[in-house]
Amino acid sequence: MKQTILLTGGAGYIGSHVAVELLEKGYNLVVVDNFANAVEDVDGNAASLKRVEKITGKKVAFHRGDITVRGDLLPIFEKHHIDCVIHLAGLKAVGESISLPLNYYSCNVMGALTLLQVMKEKNVKNIIYSSSATVYGLAQFLPITESHPVGIGLSNPYGNTKYFIEEILKDLYNAEKGWNMVFLRYFNPVGAHSSGMIGEDPQDIPNNLMPYVSQVAVGKLPFVRVFGNDYDTPDGTGVRDYIHVVDLAIGHVAALDRIFDACGLEIYNLGTGNGVSVLEMIEEFKKQSHKKVITF
């Protein structure tokens, strides 16, 4: 019988795509989410997970809950025999984190601590942590490999929280035997499932480039403001490493294979190694969609 995976933040953009891959690989799936980054339907369920169930033909055990609240997490571990936690839940907007730092430290760091305390109590010692390339700070060399220094020159509270949680996990791993951990340092997830049923559809004004461009293309927003024109890049705009969200999700399944091989502690970047500028991305979107996108 396949193992049971608890996916925190599983109703969000990345979480819903990870959910599809897990179900299609035969894992039993439990999701906890508080709808901070997800849409609640009229029945109080996660709209994205209903679509996940349609895509896969399989059921998701959904629990509405907050990772910072022990009383929300404990019943989940008591009801289900959890074999591994994939921890995606947390606040994720860099700009917002600068304006609301306490919210980010409270949700992300305290949420991780609460989750780990419950895991320890219930003797669940397998975790895949959704980290970020922001932990690398200002690049010391390129390409950025997993051996690149971390925690130096971090520029925002969001990146700080990702780094702090990695350090907490490392300390826990060194203090207690039996833990298996994989840190997945994401670069820039984009795209949507090939079914078109799930994707990045933020409730408010998008923080990321692709959903913003998409909303301009369909007339929901008037234009894309391109910040910066004097970067040391071919067209002067910022360059990012974009990875398709389904490839990212497949990476989580691969990480589970490592966890169940008793890997200890391992760290992987999830990206392509190829940089794409803001203007290049917008031009390619226009080419593929045949839509007009106004930029300033």
Protein backbone atom coordinates (compact mmCIF):
# COMPACT_ATOMS: atom_id res chain seq x y z
CA MET A 1 0.00 0.00 0.00
CA LYS A 2 1.30 3.46 -0.91
CA GLN A 3 2.31 5.88 1.81
CA THR A 4 0.16 8.74 3.10
CA ILE A 5 1.44 12.25 2.47
CA LEU A 6 0.36 15.39 4.32
CA LEU A 7 0.55 18.40 2.00
CA THR A 8 0.43 21.72 3.86
CA GLY A 9 -0.80 24.57 1.69
CA GLY A 10 -2.02 21.98 -0.76
CA ALA A 11 -4.89 24.07 -2.13
CA GLY A 12 -2.61 26.79 -3.50
CA TYR A 13 -0.97 27.20 -6.89
CA ILE A 14 2.02 24.92 -6.38
CA GLY A 15 0.19 22.68 -3.92
CA SER A 16 -2.61 21.77 -6.32
CA HIS A 17 -0.09 20.72 -8.98
CA VAL A 18 1.89 18.68 -6.45
CA ALA A 19 -1.40 17.07 -5.39
CA VAL A 20 -2.07 15.90 -8.96
CA GLU A 21 1.35 14.31 -9.28
CA LEU A 22 1.09 12.57 -5.90
CA LEU A 23 -2.35 11.13 -6.63
CA GLU A 24 -1.30 9.97 -10.09
CA LYS A 25 1.64 8.14 -8.49
CA GLY A 26 -0.76 6.35 -6.16
CA TYR A 27 -0.01 8.11 -2.88
CA ASN A 28 -2.76 8.68 -0.33
CA LEU A 29 -3.14 12.43 0.05
CA VAL A 30 -4.13 14.58 3.02
CA VAL A 31 -4.22 18.36 2.60
CA VAL A 32 -4.38 21.14 5.18
CA ASP A 33 -4.95 24.72 4.02
CA ASN A 34 -6.43 27.90 5.50
CA PHE A 35 -7.32 29.56 2.14
CA ALA A 36 -4.76 32.35 2.56
CA ASN A 37 -3.58 31.68 -1.00
CA ALA A 38 -6.49 29.59 -2.29
CA VAL A 39 -10.14 29.99 -3.29
CA GLU A 40 -12.94 28.65 -1.11
CA ASP A 41 -16.04 27.42 -2.95
CA VAL A 42 -19.65 27.92 -1.83
CA ASP A 43 -19.56 24.67 0.15
CA GLY A 44 -16.50 25.69 2.13
CA ASN A 45 -14.20 23.37 0.20
CA ALA A 46 -11.05 24.15 -1.77
CA ALA A 47 -12.05 24.86 -5.37
CA SER A 48 -8.64 23.83 -6.70
CA LEU A 49 -8.75 20.44 -4.96
CA LYS A 50 -12.15 19.67 -6.46
CA ARG A 51 -10.51 20.21 -9.84
CA VAL A 52 -7.58 18.02 -8.77
CA GLU A 53 -10.07 15.25 -8.01
CA LYS A 54 -11.63 15.65 -11.47
CA ILE A 55 -8.22 15.51 -13.16
CA THR A 56 -7.08 12.40 -11.29
CA GLY A 57 -10.35 10.62 -10.51
CA LYS A 58 -9.12 10.24 -6.92
CA LYS A 59 -10.16 11.72 -3.59
CA VAL A 60 -8.30 14.16 -1.40
CA ALA A 61 -8.75 14.16 2.37
CA PHE A 62 -9.05 17.91 2.99
CA HIS A 63 -8.80 19.64 6.36
CA ARG A 64 -9.29 23.36 6.79
CA GLY A 65 -6.68 24.51 9.25
CA ASP A 66 -3.86 26.87 10.10
CA ILE A 67 -0.31 25.58 10.52
CA THR A 68 0.30 28.07 13.34
CA VAL A 69 -2.48 26.48 15.41
CA ARG A 70 -1.49 23.26 17.15
CA GLY A 71 -5.14 22.37 17.68
CA ASP A 72 -5.69 22.42 13.91
CA LEU A 73 -2.75 20.12 13.17
CA LEU A 74 -2.93 17.55 15.96
CA PRO A 75 -6.29 15.99 14.92
CA ILE A 76 -4.95 15.47 11.39
CA PHE A 77 -2.02 13.43 12.67
CA GLU A 78 -4.36 11.51 14.99
CA LYS A 79 -6.83 10.69 12.20
CA HIS A 80 -4.31 9.78 9.50
CA HIS A 81 -1.12 7.72 9.62
CA ILE A 82 1.19 10.30 8.03
CA ASP A 83 4.37 8.92 6.45
CA CYS A 84 5.81 12.21 5.18
CA VAL A 85 4.96 15.91 5.26
CA ILE A 86 5.46 18.12 2.22
CA HIS A 87 5.49 21.59 3.74
CA LEU A 88 4.37 24.25 1.25
CA ALA A 89 2.16 26.44 3.44
CA GLY A 90 3.19 30.02 4.08
CA LEU A 91 3.00 33.61 2.95
CA LYS A 92 5.00 34.16 -0.22
CA ALA A 93 5.00 37.73 -1.59
CA VAL A 94 8.39 39.45 -1.37
CA GLY A 95 7.00 43.00 -1.55
CA GLU A 96 4.27 42.34 0.98
CA SER A 97 6.81 40.84 3.37
CA ILE A 98 8.65 44.17 3.47
CA SER A 99 5.42 45.95 4.45
CA LEU A 100 4.17 43.25 6.84
CA PRO A 101 7.26 41.57 8.30
CA LEU A 102 5.62 40.39 11.53
CA ASN A 103 2.91 38.58 9.55
CA TYR A 104 5.59 36.69 7.63
CA TYR A 105 7.67 35.74 10.66
CA SER A 106 4.54 34.70 12.56
CA CYS A 107 3.03 32.62 9.76
CA ASN A 108 6.11 31.12 8.16
CA VAL A 109 8.53 30.62 11.05
CA MET A 110 6.02 30.00 13.84
CA GLY A 111 3.96 27.84 11.51
CA ALA A 112 6.98 25.67 10.74
CA LEU A 113 7.84 25.38 14.44
CA THR A 114 4.29 24.35 15.33
CA LEU A 115 4.24 21.78 12.54
CA LEU A 116 7.61 20.32 13.57
CA GLN A 117 6.56 20.09 17.21
CA VAL A 118 3.45 18.10 16.26
CA MET A 119 5.47 15.92 13.89
CA LYS A 120 7.96 15.17 16.66
CA GLU A 121 5.16 14.37 19.11
CA LYS A 122 3.61 11.93 16.61
CA ASN A 123 7.00 10.49 15.57
CA VAL A 124 6.70 11.59 11.94
CA LYS A 125 10.30 12.28 10.91
CA ASN A 126 10.10 12.70 7.14
CA ILE A 127 9.71 16.19 5.66
CA ILE A 128 10.13 17.88 2.29
CA TYR A 129 10.47 21.61 2.76
CA SER A 130 9.42 24.15 0.14
CA SER A 131 12.33 26.56 0.30
CA SER A 132 13.39 29.22 -2.19
CA ALA A 133 16.37 30.44 -4.17
CA THR A 134 15.98 33.67 -2.17
CA VAL A 135 18.07 31.98 0.56
CA TYR A 136 21.12 32.54 -1.66
CA GLY A 137 20.86 36.32 -1.37
CA LEU A 138 23.07 38.28 -3.75
CA ALA A 139 24.71 35.81 -6.13
CA GLN A 140 28.39 35.21 -5.35
CA PHE A 141 28.85 33.15 -8.52
CA LEU A 142 26.84 31.80 -11.45
CA PRO A 143 25.29 29.41 -12.05
CA ILE A 144 24.01 29.12 -8.50
CA THR A 145 24.53 25.57 -7.27
CA GLU A 146 23.40 23.98 -4.03
CA SER A 147 26.88 24.67 -2.59
CA HIS A 148 26.40 28.45 -2.97
CA PRO A 149 26.53 30.29 0.39
CA VAL A 150 23.16 31.01 1.98
CA GLY A 151 21.89 33.67 4.35
CA ILE A 152 24.26 36.41 3.11
CA GLY A 153 22.78 39.68 1.90
CA LEU A 154 19.16 38.62 2.16
CA SER A 155 17.02 41.58 1.17
CA ASN A 156 13.51 40.88 2.47
CA PRO A 157 11.62 39.19 5.33
CA TYR A 158 10.23 36.49 3.01
CA GLY A 159 13.74 35.33 2.15
CA ASN A 160 14.73 35.56 5.80
CA THR A 161 11.89 33.24 6.81
CA LYS A 162 12.91 30.65 4.21
CA TYR A 163 16.50 30.77 5.44
CA PHE A 164 15.55 30.67 9.14
CA ILE A 165 13.38 27.60 8.61
CA GLU A 166 16.20 25.81 6.79
CA GLU A 167 18.46 26.53 9.76
CA ILE A 168 15.84 25.28 12.22
CA LEU A 169 15.50 22.06 10.24
CA LYS A 170 19.28 21.59 10.09
CA ASP A 171 19.53 22.06 13.86
CA LEU A 172 16.75 19.52 14.40
CA TYR A 173 18.41 17.04 12.05
CA ASN A 174 21.72 17.37 13.90
CA ALA A 175 20.06 17.08 17.32
CA GLU A 176 17.85 14.03 16.75
CA LYS A 177 18.45 10.76 14.95
CA GLY A 178 15.96 9.34 12.48
CA TRP A 179 14.98 12.44 10.50
CA ASN A 180 14.93 12.49 6.71
CA MET A 181 14.71 15.93 5.10
CA VAL A 182 14.81 17.34 1.59
CA PHE A 183 14.98 21.09 0.98
CA LEU A 184 13.72 22.13 -2.45
CA ARG A 185 14.97 25.60 -3.36
CA TYR A 186 12.57 26.92 -5.99
CA PHE A 187 13.48 29.46 -8.60
CA ASN A 188 10.42 30.95 -10.42
CA PRO A 189 7.44 28.62 -11.00
CA VAL A 190 5.20 29.49 -13.95
CA GLY A 191 2.54 27.86 -16.11
CA ALA A 192 -0.45 25.64 -15.48
CA HIS A 193 -1.61 22.05 -15.76
CA SER A 194 -2.19 20.86 -19.33
CA SER A 195 -5.88 20.27 -18.53
CA GLY A 196 -6.35 24.00 -17.99
CA MET A 197 -8.28 23.20 -14.81
CA ILE A 198 -5.68 24.43 -12.33
CA GLY A 199 -3.12 27.22 -12.54
CA GLU A 200 -2.03 30.47 -10.96
CA ASP A 201 -5.16 32.57 -10.46
CA PRO A 202 -4.60 34.95 -7.53
CA GLN A 203 -7.61 36.55 -5.88
CA ASP A 204 -5.99 39.99 -5.74
CA ILE A 205 -3.59 41.85 -8.04
CA PRO A 206 -0.91 39.29 -9.00
CA ASN A 207 2.58 39.50 -7.51
CA ASN A 208 4.15 37.32 -10.20
CA LEU A 209 4.82 38.19 -13.82
CA MET A 210 2.91 35.49 -15.69
CA PRO A 211 -0.52 35.87 -14.04
CA TYR A 212 -0.13 39.64 -14.33
CA VAL A 213 0.60 39.39 -18.06
CA SER A 214 -2.32 36.98 -18.45
CA GLN A 215 -4.72 39.39 -16.78
CA VAL A 216 -3.55 42.24 -19.01
CA ALA A 217 -4.04 40.01 -22.07
CA VAL A 218 -7.69 39.32 -21.19
CA GLY A 219 -8.44 42.92 -20.18
CA LYS A 220 -8.66 42.50 -16.40
CA LEU A 221 -5.68 44.84 -15.95
CA PRO A 222 -4.70 47.75 -18.23
CA PHE A 223 -0.95 47.22 -18.70
CA VAL A 224 2.24 45.62 -17.40
CA ARG A 225 4.67 48.03 -15.80
CA VAL A 226 8.21 46.80 -16.48
CA PHE A 227 10.50 47.90 -13.66
CA GLY A 228 14.11 48.58 -14.60
CA ASN A 229 15.74 49.09 -17.98
CA ASP A 230 19.42 49.32 -17.09
CA TYR A 231 20.22 45.84 -15.74
CA ASP A 232 23.36 44.18 -17.08
CA THR A 233 21.31 42.02 -19.45
CA PRO A 234 20.84 42.04 -23.26
CA ASP A 235 17.62 44.10 -23.11
CA GLY A 236 18.19 45.86 -19.79
CA THR A 237 15.34 44.12 -17.94
CA GLY A 238 15.68 41.66 -15.09
CA VAL A 239 16.46 38.01 -15.85
CA ARG A 240 14.87 35.09 -14.00
CA ASP A 241 15.12 31.32 -14.12
CA TYR A 242 11.57 30.11 -14.81
CA ILE A 243 10.48 26.50 -14.22
CA HIS A 244 7.15 25.02 -15.27
CA VAL A 245 5.00 24.28 -12.25
CA VAL A 246 4.36 20.68 -13.37
CA ASP A 247 8.12 20.06 -13.56
CA LEU A 248 8.36 21.55 -10.08
CA ALA A 249 5.61 19.21 -8.87
CA ILE A 250 7.37 16.20 -10.39
CA GLY A 251 10.44 17.26 -8.42
CA HIS A 252 8.49 16.75 -5.19
CA VAL A 253 7.63 13.18 -6.18
CA ALA A 254 11.31 12.54 -6.90
CA ALA A 255 12.15 13.98 -3.48
CA LEU A 256 9.75 11.50 -1.88
CA ASP A 257 11.74 8.67 -3.44
CA ARG A 258 14.82 10.05 -1.67
CA ILE A 259 12.94 10.41 1.63
CA PHE A 260 11.76 6.80 1.58
CA ASP A 261 15.31 5.68 0.80
CA ALA A 262 16.29 7.21 4.18
CA CYS A 263 18.31 9.99 2.57
CA GLY A 264 19.23 11.93 5.69
CA LEU A 265 19.36 15.61 4.71
CA GLU A 266 19.58 16.59 1.06
CA ILE A 267 19.17 19.91 -0.78
CA TYR A 268 18.16 20.46 -4.40
CA ASN A 269 17.62 23.50 -6.59
CA LEU A 270 14.50 23.34 -8.76
CA GLY A 271 15.06 25.43 -11.86
CA THR A 272 16.21 25.11 -15.45
CA GLY A 273 19.55 26.92 -15.33
CA ASN A 274 18.41 29.18 -18.17
CA GLY A 275 17.69 32.87 -17.70
CA VAL A 276 14.81 34.67 -19.42
CA SER A 277 14.34 38.45 -19.25
CA VAL A 278 11.06 40.16 -18.44
CA LEU A 279 10.72 41.50 -21.98
CA GLU A 280 11.60 38.13 -23.51
CA MET A 281 8.91 36.47 -21.42
CA ILE A 282 6.28 39.03 -22.41
CA GLU A 283 7.17 38.79 -26.11
CA GLU A 284 6.99 34.99 -26.02
CA PHE A 285 3.61 35.18 -24.28
CA LYS A 286 2.29 37.48 -27.02
CA LYS A 287 3.65 35.17 -29.71
CA GLN A 288 2.10 32.03 -28.26
CA SER A 289 -1.24 33.54 -27.19
CA HIS A 290 -1.77 35.93 -30.12
CA LYS A 291 -2.86 38.50 -27.53
CA LYS A 292 -1.90 42.14 -27.21
CA VAL A 293 -0.07 43.06 -24.01
CA ILE A 294 0.53 46.75 -23.30
CA THR A 295 3.74 47.51 -21.38
CA PHE A 296 5.12 50.66 -19.78
